[in-house]
């Protein structure tokens, strides 16, 4: 099954994910290449589980704890989450 999300709806989700990942990877958001596997930036199991918790809390969906390993890049995560109907409101989300 192929999941796709339009570039227009993907941009806010991409931005949200990159901002969250920057915290866990201790990097600037602009330094995260969306096509590079997160493990190459040092993503560990603690960061991956924390990201899952953020996604569940923010978007009110359940995700598998292996999400970051099953979809190892920002591009893959955006495609998966967008395919599940996850969207970021125009005003963004607060944490």
PDB file of N, CA and C in Angstrom:
ATOM      1  N   UNK A   1       0.845  -1.174   0.000  1.00  0.00           N
ATOM      2  CA  UNK A   1       0.000   0.000   0.000  1.00  0.00           C
ATOM      3  C   UNK A   1       0.886   1.231   0.000  1.00  0.00           C
ATOM      4  N   UNK A   2       0.594   2.140  -0.868  1.00  0.00           N
ATOM      5  CA  UNK A   2       1.367   3.370  -0.966  1.00  0.00           C
ATOM      6  C   UNK A   2       0.593   4.509  -0.320  1.00  0.00           C
ATOM      7  N   UNK A   3       1.251   5.243   0.551  1.00  0.00           N
ATOM      8  CA  UNK A   3       0.637   6.393   1.193  1.00  0.00           C
ATOM      9  C   UNK A   3       1.214   7.645   0.573  1.00  0.00           C
ATOM     10  N   UNK A   4       0.353   8.596   0.286  1.00  0.00           N
ATOM     11  CA  UNK A   4       0.857   9.850  -0.240  1.00  0.00           C
ATOM     12  C   UNK A   4       0.121  10.993   0.428  1.00  0.00           C
ATOM     13  N   UNK A   5       0.773  12.111   0.464  1.00  0.00           N
ATOM     14  CA  UNK A   5       0.205  13.309   1.057  1.00  0.00           C
ATOM     15  C   UNK A   5       0.610  14.470   0.164  1.00  0.00           C
ATOM     16  N   UNK A   6      -0.304  15.404  -0.032  1.00  0.00           N
ATOM     17  CA  UNK A   6       0.011  16.517  -0.923  1.00  0.00           C
ATOM     18  C   UNK A   6       1.077  17.406  -0.303  1.00  0.00           C
ATOM     19  N   UNK A   7       1.921  18.016  -1.129  1.00  0.00           N
ATOM     20  CA  UNK A   7       2.961  18.905  -0.597  1.00  0.00           C
ATOM     21  C   UNK A   7       2.386  20.034   0.249  1.00  0.00           C
ATOM     22  N   UNK A   8       1.195  20.523  -0.125  1.00  0.00           N
ATOM     23  CA  UNK A   8       0.574  21.625   0.624  1.00  0.00           C
ATOM     24  C   UNK A   8       0.250  21.196   2.053  1.00  0.00           C
ATOM     25  N   UNK A   9      -0.326  20.002   2.216  1.00  0.00           N
ATOM     26  CA  UNK A   9      -0.677  19.550   3.557  1.00  0.00           C
ATOM     27  C   UNK A   9       0.527  18.976   4.295  1.00  0.00           C
ATOM     28  N   UNK A  10       1.555  18.574   3.558  1.00  0.00           N
ATOM     29  CA  UNK A  10       2.734  17.986   4.188  1.00  0.00           C
ATOM     30  C   UNK A  10       3.636  19.027   4.841  1.00  0.00           C
ATOM     31  N   UNK A  11       3.659  20.240   4.323  1.00  0.00           N
ATOM     32  CA  UNK A  11       4.598  21.253   4.824  1.00  0.00           C
ATOM     33  C   UNK A  11       4.451  21.531   6.321  1.00  0.00           C
ATOM     34  N   UNK A  12       3.239  21.763   6.845  1.00  0.00           N
ATOM     35  CA  UNK A  12       3.132  22.008   8.288  1.00  0.00           C
ATOM     36  C   UNK A  12       3.537  20.792   9.121  1.00  0.00           C
ATOM     37  N   UNK A  13       3.198  19.600   8.656  1.00  0.00           N
ATOM     38  CA  UNK A  13       3.572  18.385   9.376  1.00  0.00           C
ATOM     39  C   UNK A  13       5.086  18.196   9.344  1.00  0.00           C
ATOM     40  N   UNK A  14       5.685  18.451   8.198  1.00  0.00           N
ATOM     41  CA  UNK A  14       7.143  18.378   8.059  1.00  0.00           C
ATOM     42  C   UNK A  14       7.807  19.346   9.040  1.00  0.00           C
ATOM     43  N   UNK A  15       7.297  20.562   9.107  1.00  0.00           N
ATOM     44  CA  UNK A  15       7.845  21.579  10.013  1.00  0.00           C
ATOM     45  C   UNK A  15       7.699  21.136  11.473  1.00  0.00           C
ATOM     46  N   UNK A  16       6.529  20.641  11.842  1.00  0.00           N
ATOM     47  CA  UNK A  16       6.290  20.193  13.218  1.00  0.00           C
ATOM     48  C   UNK A  16       7.250  19.056  13.579  1.00  0.00           C
ATOM     49  N   UNK A  17       7.349  18.054  12.702  1.00  0.00           N
ATOM     50  CA  UNK A  17       8.238  16.919  12.966  1.00  0.00           C
ATOM     51  C   UNK A  17       9.694  17.359  13.083  1.00  0.00           C
ATOM     52  N   UNK A  18      10.130  18.204  12.179  1.00  0.00           N
ATOM     53  CA  UNK A  18      11.515  18.669  12.202  1.00  0.00           C
ATOM     54  C   UNK A  18      11.821  19.432  13.483  1.00  0.00           C
ATOM     55  N   UNK A  19      10.886  20.264  13.922  1.00  0.00           N
ATOM     56  CA  UNK A  19      11.085  20.991  15.183  1.00  0.00           C
ATOM     57  C   UNK A  19      11.184  20.043  16.367  1.00  0.00           C
ATOM     58  N   UNK A  20      10.329  19.027  16.413  1.00  0.00           N
ATOM     59  CA  UNK A  20      10.368  18.057  17.518  1.00  0.00           C
ATOM     60  C   UNK A  20      11.667  17.256  17.456  1.00  0.00           C
ATOM     61  N   UNK A  21      12.021  16.789  16.274  1.00  0.00           N
ATOM     62  CA  UNK A  21      13.238  15.993  16.132  1.00  0.00           C
ATOM     63  C   UNK A  21      14.475  16.791  16.507  1.00  0.00           C
ATOM     64  N   UNK A  22      14.489  18.064  16.200  1.00  0.00           N
ATOM     65  CA  UNK A  22      15.637  18.909  16.540  1.00  0.00           C
ATOM     66  C   UNK A  22      15.899  18.886  18.039  1.00  0.00           C
ATOM     67  N   UNK A  23      14.838  18.841  18.823  1.00  0.00           N
ATOM     68  CA  UNK A  23      14.989  18.780  20.285  1.00  0.00           C
ATOM     69  C   UNK A  23      15.662  17.470  20.685  1.00  0.00           C
ATOM     70  N   UNK A  24      15.166  16.357  20.156  1.00  0.00           N
ATOM     71  CA  UNK A  24      15.704  15.047  20.541  1.00  0.00           C
ATOM     72  C   UNK A  24      17.089  14.777  19.970  1.00  0.00           C
ATOM     73  N   UNK A  25      17.392  15.393  18.843  1.00  0.00           N
ATOM     74  CA  UNK A  25      18.694  15.178  18.207  1.00  0.00           C
ATOM     75  C   UNK A  25      19.706  16.256  18.563  1.00  0.00           C
ATOM     76  N   UNK A  26      19.281  17.245  19.336  1.00  0.00           N
ATOM     77  CA  UNK A  26      20.138  18.352  19.763  1.00  0.00           C
ATOM     78  C   UNK A  26      20.792  19.023  18.554  1.00  0.00           C
ATOM     79  N   UNK A  27      19.932  19.407  17.588  1.00  0.00           N
ATOM     80  CA  UNK A  27      20.378  20.056  16.351  1.00  0.00           C
ATOM     81  C   UNK A  27      19.434  21.201  16.031  1.00  0.00           C
ATOM     82  N   UNK A  28      19.868  22.061  15.144  1.00  0.00           N
ATOM     83  CA  UNK A  28      18.975  23.080  14.607  1.00  0.00           C
ATOM     84  C   UNK A  28      18.044  22.415  13.594  1.00  0.00           C
ATOM     85  N   UNK A  29      16.781  22.803  13.559  1.00  0.00           N
ATOM     86  CA  UNK A  29      15.852  22.183  12.608  1.00  0.00           C
ATOM     87  C   UNK A  29      16.343  22.246  11.161  1.00  0.00           C
ATOM     88  N   UNK A  30      16.957  23.351  10.774  1.00  0.00           N
ATOM     89  CA  UNK A  30      17.432  23.496   9.394  1.00  0.00           C
ATOM     90  C   UNK A  30      18.578  22.548   9.045  1.00  0.00           C
ATOM     91  N   UNK A  31      19.200  21.958  10.056  1.00  0.00           N
ATOM     92  CA  UNK A  31      20.321  21.059   9.790  1.00  0.00           C
ATOM     93  C   UNK A  31      19.873  19.611   9.575  1.00  0.00           C
ATOM     94  N   UNK A  32      18.575  19.360   9.679  1.00  0.00           N
ATOM     95  CA  UNK A  32      18.058  18.001   9.512  1.00  0.00           C
ATOM     96  C   UNK A  32      17.593  17.819   8.069  1.00  0.00           C
ATOM     97  N   UNK A  33      18.307  16.977   7.341  1.00  0.00           N
ATOM     98  CA  UNK A  33      17.942  16.652   5.959  1.00  0.00           C
ATOM     99  C   UNK A  33      16.786  15.654   6.020  1.00  0.00           C
ATOM    100  N   UNK A  34      15.657  15.964   5.397  1.00  0.00           N
ATOM    101  CA  UNK A  34      14.492  15.089   5.507  1.00  0.00           C
ATOM    102  C   UNK A  34      14.646  13.726   4.848  1.00  0.00           C
ATOM    103  N   UNK A  35      15.721  13.527   4.080  1.00  0.00           N
ATOM    104  CA  UNK A  35      15.933  12.242   3.414  1.00  0.00           C
ATOM    105  C   UNK A  35      16.986  11.375   4.099  1.00  0.00           C
ATOM    106  N   UNK A  36      17.621  11.907   5.136  1.00  0.00           N
ATOM    107  CA  UNK A  36      18.671  11.168   5.847  1.00  0.00           C
ATOM    108  C   UNK A  36      18.034  10.382   6.995  1.00  0.00           C
ATOM    109  N   UNK A  37      18.379   9.098   7.141  1.00  0.00           N
ATOM    110  CA  UNK A  37      17.839   8.323   8.258  1.00  0.00           C
ATOM    111  C   UNK A  37      18.161   8.986   9.602  1.00  0.00           C
ATOM    112  N   UNK A  38      17.160   9.019  10.468  1.00  0.00           N
ATOM    113  CA  UNK A  38      17.322   9.677  11.765  1.00  0.00           C
ATOM    114  C   UNK A  38      18.420   9.031  12.601  1.00  0.00           C
ATOM    115  N   UNK A  39      18.648   7.747  12.418  1.00  0.00           N
ATOM    116  CA  UNK A  39      19.718   7.067  13.151  1.00  0.00           C
ATOM    117  C   UNK A  39      21.077   7.679  12.836  1.00  0.00           C
ATOM    118  N   UNK A  40      21.248   8.207  11.624  1.00  0.00           N
ATOM    119  CA  UNK A  40      22.517   8.839  11.261  1.00  0.00           C
ATOM    120  C   UNK A  40      22.750  10.131  12.033  1.00  0.00           C
ATOM    121  N   UNK A  41      21.688  10.715  12.554  1.00  0.00           N
ATOM    122  CA  UNK A  41      21.805  11.917  13.385  1.00  0.00           C
ATOM    123  C   UNK A  41      21.909  11.570  14.868  1.00  0.00           C
ATOM    124  N   UNK A  42      21.851  10.282  15.179  1.00  0.00           N
ATOM    125  CA  UNK A  42      21.964   9.865  16.568  1.00  0.00           C
ATOM    126  C   UNK A  42      20.645   9.582  17.264  1.00  0.00           C
ATOM    127  N   UNK A  43      19.566   9.408  16.497  1.00  0.00           N
ATOM    128  CA  UNK A  43      18.286   9.067  17.115  1.00  0.00           C
ATOM    129  C   UNK A  43      18.440   7.752  17.860  1.00  0.00           C
ATOM    130  N   UNK A  44      18.027   7.764  19.121  1.00  0.00           N
ATOM    131  CA  UNK A  44      18.097   6.551  19.926  1.00  0.00           C
ATOM    132  C   UNK A  44      16.689   6.154  20.348  1.00  0.00           C
ATOM    133  N   UNK A  45      16.594   5.058  21.091  1.00  0.00           N
ATOM    134  CA  UNK A  45      15.275   4.553  21.470  1.00  0.00           C
ATOM    135  C   UNK A  45      14.526   5.523  22.376  1.00  0.00           C
ATOM    136  N   UNK A  46      15.228   6.244  23.223  1.00  0.00           N
ATOM    137  CA  UNK A  46      14.574   7.221  24.100  1.00  0.00           C
ATOM    138  C   UNK A  46      13.948   8.337  23.260  1.00  0.00           C
ATOM    139  N   UNK A  47      14.699   8.864  22.308  1.00  0.00           N
ATOM    140  CA  UNK A  47      14.174   9.905  21.428  1.00  0.00           C
ATOM    141  C   UNK A  47      13.021   9.399  20.578  1.00  0.00           C
ATOM    142  N   UNK A  48      13.148   8.178  20.073  1.00  0.00           N
ATOM    143  CA  UNK A  48      12.094   7.605  19.233  1.00  0.00           C
ATOM    144  C   UNK A  48      10.799   7.432  20.021  1.00  0.00           C
ATOM    145  N   UNK A  49      10.907   6.932  21.244  1.00  0.00           N
ATOM    146  CA  UNK A  49       9.707   6.761  22.071  1.00  0.00           C
ATOM    147  C   UNK A  49       9.125   8.102  22.490  1.00  0.00           C
ATOM    148  N   UNK A  50       9.979   9.065  22.756  1.00  0.00           N
ATOM    149  CA  UNK A  50       9.496  10.407  23.104  1.00  0.00           C
ATOM    150  C   UNK A  50       8.756  11.029  21.926  1.00  0.00           C
ATOM    151  N   UNK A  51       9.280  10.840  20.721  1.00  0.00           N
ATOM    152  CA  UNK A  51       8.608  11.341  19.530  1.00  0.00           C
ATOM    153  C   UNK A  51       7.236  10.684  19.381  1.00  0.00           C
ATOM    154  N   UNK A  52       7.169   9.382  19.602  1.00  0.00           N
ATOM    155  CA  UNK A  52       5.875   8.685  19.531  1.00  0.00           C
ATOM    156  C   UNK A  52       4.891   9.289  20.527  1.00  0.00           C
ATOM    157  N   UNK A  53       5.364   9.562  21.736  1.00  0.00           N
ATOM    158  CA  UNK A  53       4.508  10.180  22.743  1.00  0.00           C
ATOM    159  C   UNK A  53       4.029  11.553  22.316  1.00  0.00           C
ATOM    160  N   UNK A  54       4.921  12.337  21.728  1.00  0.00           N
ATOM    161  CA  UNK A  54       4.538  13.667  21.232  1.00  0.00           C
ATOM    162  C   UNK A  54       3.463  13.555  20.150  1.00  0.00           C
ATOM    163  N   UNK A  55       3.644  12.617  19.239  1.00  0.00           N
ATOM    164  CA  UNK A  55       2.672  12.428  18.157  1.00  0.00           C
ATOM    165  C   UNK A  55       1.322  12.014  18.735  1.00  0.00           C
ATOM    166  N   UNK A  56       1.343  11.059  19.663  1.00  0.00           N
ATOM    167  CA  UNK A  56       0.092  10.600  20.265  1.00  0.00           C
ATOM    168  C   UNK A  56      -0.604  11.719  21.031  1.00  0.00           C
ATOM    169  N   UNK A  57       0.152  12.467  21.814  1.00  0.00           N
ATOM    170  CA  UNK A  57      -0.434  13.550  22.616  1.00  0.00           C
ATOM    171  C   UNK A  57      -0.940  14.701  21.755  1.00  0.00           C
ATOM    172  N   UNK A  58      -0.195  15.048  20.736  1.00  0.00           N
ATOM    173  CA  UNK A  58      -0.540  16.202  19.906  1.00  0.00           C
ATOM    174  C   UNK A  58      -1.674  15.909  18.934  1.00  0.00           C
ATOM    175  N   UNK A  59      -1.619  14.745  18.301  1.00  0.00           N
ATOM    176  CA  UNK A  59      -2.572  14.443  17.233  1.00  0.00           C
ATOM    177  C   UNK A  59      -3.649  13.434  17.638  1.00  0.00           C
ATOM    178  N   UNK A  60      -3.583  12.945  18.866  1.00  0.00           N
ATOM    179  CA  UNK A  60      -4.606  12.043  19.413  1.00  0.00           C
ATOM    180  C   UNK A  60      -4.783  10.780  18.574  1.00  0.00           C
ATOM    181  N   UNK A  61      -3.657  10.190  18.201  1.00  0.00           N
ATOM    182  CA  UNK A  61      -3.668   8.910  17.495  1.00  0.00           C
ATOM    183  C   UNK A  61      -2.680   7.993  18.195  1.00  0.00           C
ATOM    184  N   UNK A  62      -2.906   6.703  18.095  1.00  0.00           N
ATOM    185  CA  UNK A  62      -1.962   5.729  18.633  1.00  0.00           C
ATOM    186  C   UNK A  62      -0.961   5.373  17.539  1.00  0.00           C
ATOM    187  N   UNK A  63       0.309   5.332  17.907  1.00  0.00           N
ATOM    188  CA  UNK A  63       1.342   4.912  16.958  1.00  0.00           C
ATOM    189  C   UNK A  63       2.173   3.812  17.590  1.00  0.00           C
ATOM    190  N   UNK A  64       2.712   2.969  16.760  1.00  0.00           N
ATOM    191  CA  UNK A  64       3.549   1.874  17.222  1.00  0.00           C
ATOM    192  C   UNK A  64       4.872   2.434  17.721  1.00  0.00           C
ATOM    193  N   UNK A  65       5.404   1.887  18.815  1.00  0.00           N
ATOM    194  CA  UNK A  65       6.689   2.377  19.332  1.00  0.00           C
ATOM    195  C   UNK A  65       7.842   2.267  18.337  1.00  0.00           C
ATOM    196  N   UNK A  66       7.691   1.439  17.322  1.00  0.00           N
ATOM    197  CA  UNK A  66       8.754   1.289  16.316  1.00  0.00           C
ATOM    198  C   UNK A  66       8.607   2.278  15.157  1.00  0.00           C
ATOM    199  N   UNK A  67       7.725   3.261  15.302  1.00  0.00           N
ATOM    200  CA  UNK A  67       7.433   4.211  14.225  1.00  0.00           C
ATOM    201  C   UNK A  67       8.691   4.804  13.591  1.00  0.00           C
ATOM    202  N   UNK A  68       9.604   5.315  14.407  1.00  0.00           N
ATOM    203  CA  UNK A  68      10.802   5.982  13.876  1.00  0.00           C
ATOM    204  C   UNK A  68      11.752   5.004  13.188  1.00  0.00           C
ATOM    205  N   UNK A  69      11.655   3.730  13.516  1.00  0.00           N
ATOM    206  CA  UNK A  69      12.517   2.737  12.868  1.00  0.00           C
ATOM    207  C   UNK A  69      11.840   2.213  11.601  1.00  0.00           C
ATOM    208  N   UNK A  70      10.507   2.124  11.628  1.00  0.00           N
ATOM    209  CA  UNK A  70       9.766   1.657  10.454  1.00  0.00           C
ATOM    210  C   UNK A  70       9.708   2.721   9.356  1.00  0.00           C
ATOM    211  N   UNK A  71       9.767   3.987   9.759  1.00  0.00           N
ATOM    212  CA  UNK A  71       9.715   5.132   8.839  1.00  0.00           C
ATOM    213  C   UNK A  71      10.885   6.036   9.231  1.00  0.00           C
ATOM    214  N   UNK A  72      12.102   5.686   8.802  1.00  0.00           N
ATOM    215  CA  UNK A  72      13.325   6.251   9.392  1.00  0.00           C
ATOM    216  C   UNK A  72      13.755   7.650   8.960  1.00  0.00           C
ATOM    217  N   UNK A  73      13.003   8.302   8.083  1.00  0.00           N
ATOM    218  CA  UNK A  73      13.369   9.661   7.671  1.00  0.00           C
ATOM    219  C   UNK A  73      12.175  10.586   7.899  1.00  0.00           C
ATOM    220  N   UNK A  74      12.425  11.876   7.877  1.00  0.00           N
ATOM    221  CA  UNK A  74      11.330  12.841   7.998  1.00  0.00           C
ATOM    222  C   UNK A  74      10.345  12.640   6.847  1.00  0.00           C
ATOM    223  N   UNK A  75      10.854  12.437   5.641  1.00  0.00           N
ATOM    224  CA  UNK A  75       9.988  12.222   4.478  1.00  0.00           C
ATOM    225  C   UNK A  75       9.083  11.012   4.705  1.00  0.00           C
ATOM    226  N   UNK A  76       9.650   9.921   5.192  1.00  0.00           N
ATOM    227  CA  UNK A  76       8.866   8.705   5.430  1.00  0.00           C
ATOM    228  C   UNK A  76       7.848   8.905   6.548  1.00  0.00           C
ATOM    229  N   UNK A  77       8.229   9.606   7.600  1.00  0.00           N
ATOM    230  CA  UNK A  77       7.299   9.876   8.699  1.00  0.00           C
ATOM    231  C   UNK A  77       6.138  10.752   8.239  1.00  0.00           C
ATOM    232  N   UNK A  78       6.442  11.787   7.468  1.00  0.00           N
ATOM    233  CA  UNK A  78       5.390  12.676   6.957  1.00  0.00           C
ATOM    234  C   UNK A  78       4.434  11.889   6.057  1.00  0.00           C
ATOM    235  N   UNK A  79       4.965  11.050   5.189  1.00  0.00           N
ATOM    236  CA  UNK A  79       4.115  10.253   4.299  1.00  0.00           C
ATOM    237  C   UNK A  79       3.215   9.324   5.104  1.00  0.00           C
ATOM    238  N   UNK A  80       3.790   8.664   6.101  1.00  0.00           N
ATOM    239  CA  UNK A  80       3.002   7.741   6.919  1.00  0.00           C
ATOM    240  C   UNK A  80       1.919   8.479   7.700  1.00  0.00           C
ATOM    241  N   UNK A  81       2.300   9.532   8.404  1.00  0.00           N
ATOM    242  CA  UNK A  81       1.334  10.265   9.225  1.00  0.00           C
ATOM    243  C   UNK A  81       0.293  10.968   8.360  1.00  0.00           C
ATOM    244  N   UNK A  82       0.722  11.548   7.254  1.00  0.00           N
ATOM    245  CA  UNK A  82      -0.230  12.175   6.341  1.00  0.00           C
ATOM    246  C   UNK A  82      -1.212  11.162   5.783  1.00  0.00           C
ATOM    247  N   UNK A  83      -0.732   9.960   5.514  1.00  0.00           N
ATOM    248  CA  UNK A  83      -1.599   8.895   5.037  1.00  0.00           C
ATOM    249  C   UNK A  83      -2.612   8.450   6.071  1.00  0.00           C
ATOM    250  N   UNK A  84      -2.304   8.701   7.331  1.00  0.00           N
ATOM    251  CA  UNK A  84      -3.252   8.394   8.416  1.00  0.00           C
ATOM    252  C   UNK A  84      -4.174   9.566   8.701  1.00  0.00           C
ATOM    253  N   UNK A  85      -4.050  10.623   7.910  1.00  0.00           N
ATOM    254  CA  UNK A  85      -4.940  11.763   8.071  1.00  0.00           C
ATOM    255  C   UNK A  85      -4.479  12.804   9.062  1.00  0.00           C
ATOM    256  N   UNK A  86      -3.238  12.696   9.537  1.00  0.00           N
ATOM    257  CA  UNK A  86      -2.709  13.673  10.489  1.00  0.00           C
ATOM    258  C   UNK A  86      -2.458  14.989   9.767  1.00  0.00           C
ATOM    259  N   UNK A  87      -2.985  16.059  10.314  1.00  0.00           N
ATOM    260  CA  UNK A  87      -2.729  17.393   9.777  1.00  0.00           C
ATOM    261  C   UNK A  87      -2.422  18.337  10.925  1.00  0.00           C
ATOM    262  N   UNK A  88      -1.671  19.353  10.629  1.00  0.00           N
ATOM    263  CA  UNK A  88      -1.358  20.394  11.607  1.00  0.00           C
ATOM    264  C   UNK A  88      -2.260  21.573  11.281  1.00  0.00           C
ATOM    265  N   UNK A  89      -3.025  22.056  12.262  1.00  0.00           N
ATOM    266  CA  UNK A  89      -3.890  23.210  11.995  1.00  0.00           C
ATOM    267  C   UNK A  89      -3.086  24.397  11.475  1.00  0.00           C
ATOM    268  N   UNK A  90      -3.740  25.265  10.726  1.00  0.00           N
ATOM    269  CA  UNK A  90      -3.075  26.432  10.135  1.00  0.00           C
ATOM    270  C   UNK A  90      -2.345  27.260  11.181  1.00  0.00           C
ATOM    271  N   UNK A  91      -2.891  27.340  12.378  1.00  0.00           N
ATOM    272  CA  UNK A  91      -2.261  28.117  13.446  1.00  0.00           C
ATOM    273  C   UNK A  91      -1.154  27.335  14.132  1.00  0.00           C
ATOM    274  N   UNK A  92      -0.936  26.082  13.719  1.00  0.00           N
ATOM    275  CA  UNK A  92       0.079  25.252  14.349  1.00  0.00           C
ATOM    276  C   UNK A  92      -0.472  24.579  15.586  1.00  0.00           C
ATOM    277  N   UNK A  93       0.379  23.866  16.265  1.00  0.00           N
ATOM    278  CA  UNK A  93      -0.008  23.207  17.510  1.00  0.00           C
ATOM    279  C   UNK A  93       0.917  23.664  18.602  1.00  0.00           C
ATOM    280  N   UNK A  94       0.389  23.745  19.776  1.00  0.00           N
ATOM    281  CA  UNK A  94       1.238  24.126  20.904  1.00  0.00           C
ATOM    282  C   UNK A  94       1.591  22.887  21.685  1.00  0.00           C
ATOM    283  N   UNK A  95       2.693  22.947  22.327  1.00  0.00           N
ATOM    284  CA  UNK A  95       3.161  21.819  23.133  1.00  0.00           C
ATOM    285  C   UNK A  95       3.147  22.215  24.563  1.00  0.00           C
TER     286      UNK A  95
END
